[in-house]
Amino acid sequence: MFKPLAALIAAATISVPAVAKVDPGTPQLLQTLTEYGITIEYNPTHCSNGYAGRYSTNKVMSLCYKGQPTAFDHDTVRHETMHVLQHCAALRRGDNRGIVPLAIDLNERNQWVSSVLRSGQITEIKTQYPLRSHQIELEAFAGAAHYNSNQLATLVTKWCFK
């Protein structure tokens, strides 16, 4: 299952203009996640509920896309990888709450998020998610915008592999 999306993403990297933010490191990021033990599901049934992607603490990442992956799909992989990192950070810190922000200091995290995302994006995220999810989602959206796939693969290796 991994190879079809990786091949499509690799093909999209060549055919989409650079301004589209298609990330050439996405196939390697997916490989790193798989090596860590993440099960990647492509277009599972819950995709029909409007999800772009989802990560659960049982180490399953769902990716929802149609046809050739777009820049949005690459961004979804980075966003869901941020949730993997948040989960790995919680495990490494002995925190059993599941997915928690990577950045422990709330003020530093909010400053960083504000430096990466526009205020309108922050407002939109807060309207789309319940209050209890704001901090993890804001950090995940900012991380997906800030880091490329190669950087995230390095962070997965640092935080998730023992």
Protein backbone atom coordinates (compact mmCIF):
# COMPACT_ATOMS: atom_id res chain seq x y z
CA MET A 1 0.00 0.00 0.00
CA PHE A 2 2.88 2.37 0.66
CA LYS A 3 4.32 2.24 -2.82
CA PRO A 4 1.31 3.52 -4.80
CA LEU A 5 1.13 6.81 -2.88
CA ALA A 6 4.92 7.21 -2.79
CA ALA A 7 5.09 6.68 -6.55
CA LEU A 8 2.26 9.15 -7.14
CA ILE A 9 3.87 11.72 -4.86
CA ALA A 10 7.21 11.27 -6.61
CA ALA A 11 5.48 11.77 -9.97
CA ALA A 12 3.68 14.85 -8.67
CA THR A 13 6.99 16.29 -7.53
CA ILE A 14 8.19 16.32 -11.10
CA SER A 15 5.01 17.56 -12.74
CA VAL A 16 3.81 20.30 -10.36
CA PRO A 17 5.42 23.74 -10.39
CA ALA A 18 7.64 24.58 -7.41
CA VAL A 19 5.21 27.24 -6.15
CA ALA A 20 2.67 24.49 -5.41
CA LYS A 21 4.79 23.38 -2.39
CA VAL A 22 4.80 19.74 -3.39
CA ASP A 23 7.46 18.34 -1.09
CA PRO A 24 9.97 15.97 -2.74
CA GLY A 25 10.81 14.50 0.68
CA THR A 26 7.30 13.16 1.32
CA PRO A 27 8.00 9.58 0.11
CA GLN A 28 11.00 9.35 2.46
CA LEU A 29 8.94 10.78 5.33
CA LEU A 30 6.29 8.12 4.74
CA GLN A 31 9.03 5.48 4.70
CA THR A 32 10.44 6.79 8.01
CA LEU A 33 6.98 6.66 9.58
CA THR A 34 6.52 3.09 8.35
CA GLU A 35 9.93 2.10 9.74
CA TYR A 36 8.88 3.51 13.11
CA GLY A 37 5.83 1.27 13.04
CA ILE A 38 3.10 3.61 11.86
CA THR A 39 0.47 1.83 9.78
CA ILE A 40 -0.49 4.10 6.91
CA GLU A 41 -3.99 3.65 5.52
CA TYR A 42 -4.76 5.15 2.15
CA ASN A 43 -8.34 6.28 1.59
CA PRO A 44 -9.99 4.20 4.33
CA THR A 45 -13.77 4.34 4.71
CA HIS A 46 -13.75 7.26 7.16
CA CYS A 47 -12.28 9.43 4.38
CA SER A 48 -15.83 9.76 3.08
CA ASN A 49 -16.60 11.80 6.23
CA GLY A 50 -14.58 14.73 4.91
CA TYR A 51 -11.24 13.96 6.55
CA ALA A 52 -8.01 14.93 4.81
CA GLY A 53 -6.05 12.77 7.22
CA ARG A 54 -6.04 11.43 10.74
CA TYR A 55 -3.58 10.01 13.25
CA SER A 56 -4.53 7.84 16.21
CA THR A 57 -2.45 6.79 19.20
CA ASN A 58 -2.62 3.17 18.10
CA LYS A 59 -0.05 4.30 15.52
CA VAL A 60 -2.37 4.44 12.51
CA MET A 61 -2.22 7.33 10.05
CA SER A 62 -5.03 7.70 7.54
CA LEU A 63 -4.44 9.72 4.38
CA CYS A 64 -7.35 10.75 2.18
CA TYR A 65 -6.69 11.87 -1.36
CA LYS A 66 -8.06 11.53 -4.87
CA GLY A 67 -5.97 10.87 -7.94
CA GLN A 68 -2.50 12.33 -8.05
CA PRO A 69 -1.48 13.82 -4.67
CA THR A 70 -1.54 17.61 -4.56
CA ALA A 71 0.35 20.16 -2.49
CA PHE A 72 -2.58 19.94 -0.03
CA ASP A 73 -2.00 16.18 0.30
CA HIS A 74 1.70 16.74 1.02
CA ASP A 75 0.70 19.28 3.66
CA THR A 76 -1.68 16.71 5.18
CA VAL A 77 1.18 14.21 5.51
CA ARG A 78 3.28 16.86 7.31
CA HIS A 79 0.33 17.84 9.56
CA GLU A 80 -0.40 14.26 10.57
CA THR A 81 3.32 13.70 11.14
CA MET A 82 3.23 16.56 13.63
CA HIS A 83 0.59 14.57 15.53
CA VAL A 84 2.91 11.54 15.43
CA LEU A 85 5.65 13.74 16.92
CA GLN A 86 3.27 15.04 19.59
CA HIS A 87 2.41 11.45 20.50
CA CYS A 88 6.08 10.39 20.55
CA ALA A 89 6.95 13.38 22.75
CA ALA A 90 4.21 12.42 25.20
CA LEU A 91 5.47 8.82 25.32
CA ARG A 92 9.07 9.93 25.76
CA ARG A 93 8.06 12.24 28.62
CA GLY A 94 6.00 9.53 30.32
CA ASP A 95 2.77 11.43 29.63
CA ASN A 96 -0.11 9.01 29.08
CA ARG A 97 -2.59 11.61 27.78
CA GLY A 98 -1.94 10.60 24.16
CA ILE A 99 -1.26 13.53 21.86
CA VAL A 100 0.08 16.66 23.56
CA PRO A 101 1.97 19.67 22.24
CA LEU A 102 5.68 19.24 21.57
CA ALA A 103 6.49 22.68 22.94
CA ILE A 104 5.84 22.55 26.67
CA ASP A 105 5.86 26.30 27.34
CA LEU A 106 2.48 27.74 26.30
CA ASN A 107 3.79 31.28 25.72
CA GLU A 108 6.69 30.09 23.56
CA ARG A 109 4.37 27.79 21.61
CA ASN A 110 1.85 30.57 21.00
CA GLN A 111 4.60 32.98 19.89
CA TRP A 112 5.96 30.40 17.46
CA VAL A 113 2.50 29.55 16.08
CA SER A 114 1.80 33.28 15.62
CA SER A 115 5.10 33.71 13.79
CA VAL A 116 4.25 30.90 11.35
CA LEU A 117 0.49 31.23 10.83
CA ARG A 118 -1.50 34.33 9.95
CA SER A 119 -4.06 35.50 12.52
CA GLY A 120 -6.89 34.55 10.15
CA GLN A 121 -5.55 31.01 9.93
CA ILE A 122 -5.37 30.78 13.71
CA THR A 123 -8.96 32.00 14.02
CA GLU A 124 -10.14 29.51 11.39
CA ILE A 125 -8.40 26.59 13.13
CA LYS A 126 -10.00 27.59 16.42
CA THR A 127 -13.44 27.63 14.81
CA GLN A 128 -12.92 24.21 13.20
CA TYR A 129 -11.72 22.34 16.31
CA PRO A 130 -13.02 22.06 19.88
CA LEU A 131 -11.23 24.08 22.57
CA ARG A 132 -9.51 20.98 23.99
CA SER A 133 -7.77 20.47 20.61
CA HIS A 134 -6.68 24.04 19.90
CA GLN A 135 -3.10 23.77 21.11
CA ILE A 136 -2.28 20.47 19.42
CA GLU A 137 -3.94 21.53 16.16
CA LEU A 138 -2.36 24.98 16.09
CA GLU A 139 1.06 23.41 16.65
CA ALA A 140 0.38 20.75 13.98
CA PHE A 141 -0.74 23.30 11.39
CA ALA A 142 2.23 25.55 12.16
CA GLY A 143 4.64 22.59 12.02
CA ALA A 144 3.26 21.48 8.66
CA ALA A 145 3.78 25.00 7.32
CA HIS A 146 7.21 25.51 8.90
CA TYR A 147 8.98 22.17 8.38
CA ASN A 148 9.61 20.29 5.18
CA SER A 149 9.28 16.52 4.99
CA ASN A 150 13.02 15.90 5.37
CA GLN A 151 13.12 17.96 8.55
CA LEU A 152 10.10 16.10 9.91
CA ALA A 153 11.69 12.73 9.10
CA THR A 154 14.71 13.82 11.17
CA LEU A 155 12.42 14.86 14.03
CA VAL A 156 10.57 11.53 13.88
CA THR A 157 13.90 9.74 14.16
CA LYS A 158 14.89 11.95 17.11
CA TRP A 159 11.61 11.78 19.06
CA CYS A 160 10.17 8.39 18.14
CA PHE A 161 13.01 5.93 17.64
CA LYS A 162 14.68 4.72 20.84
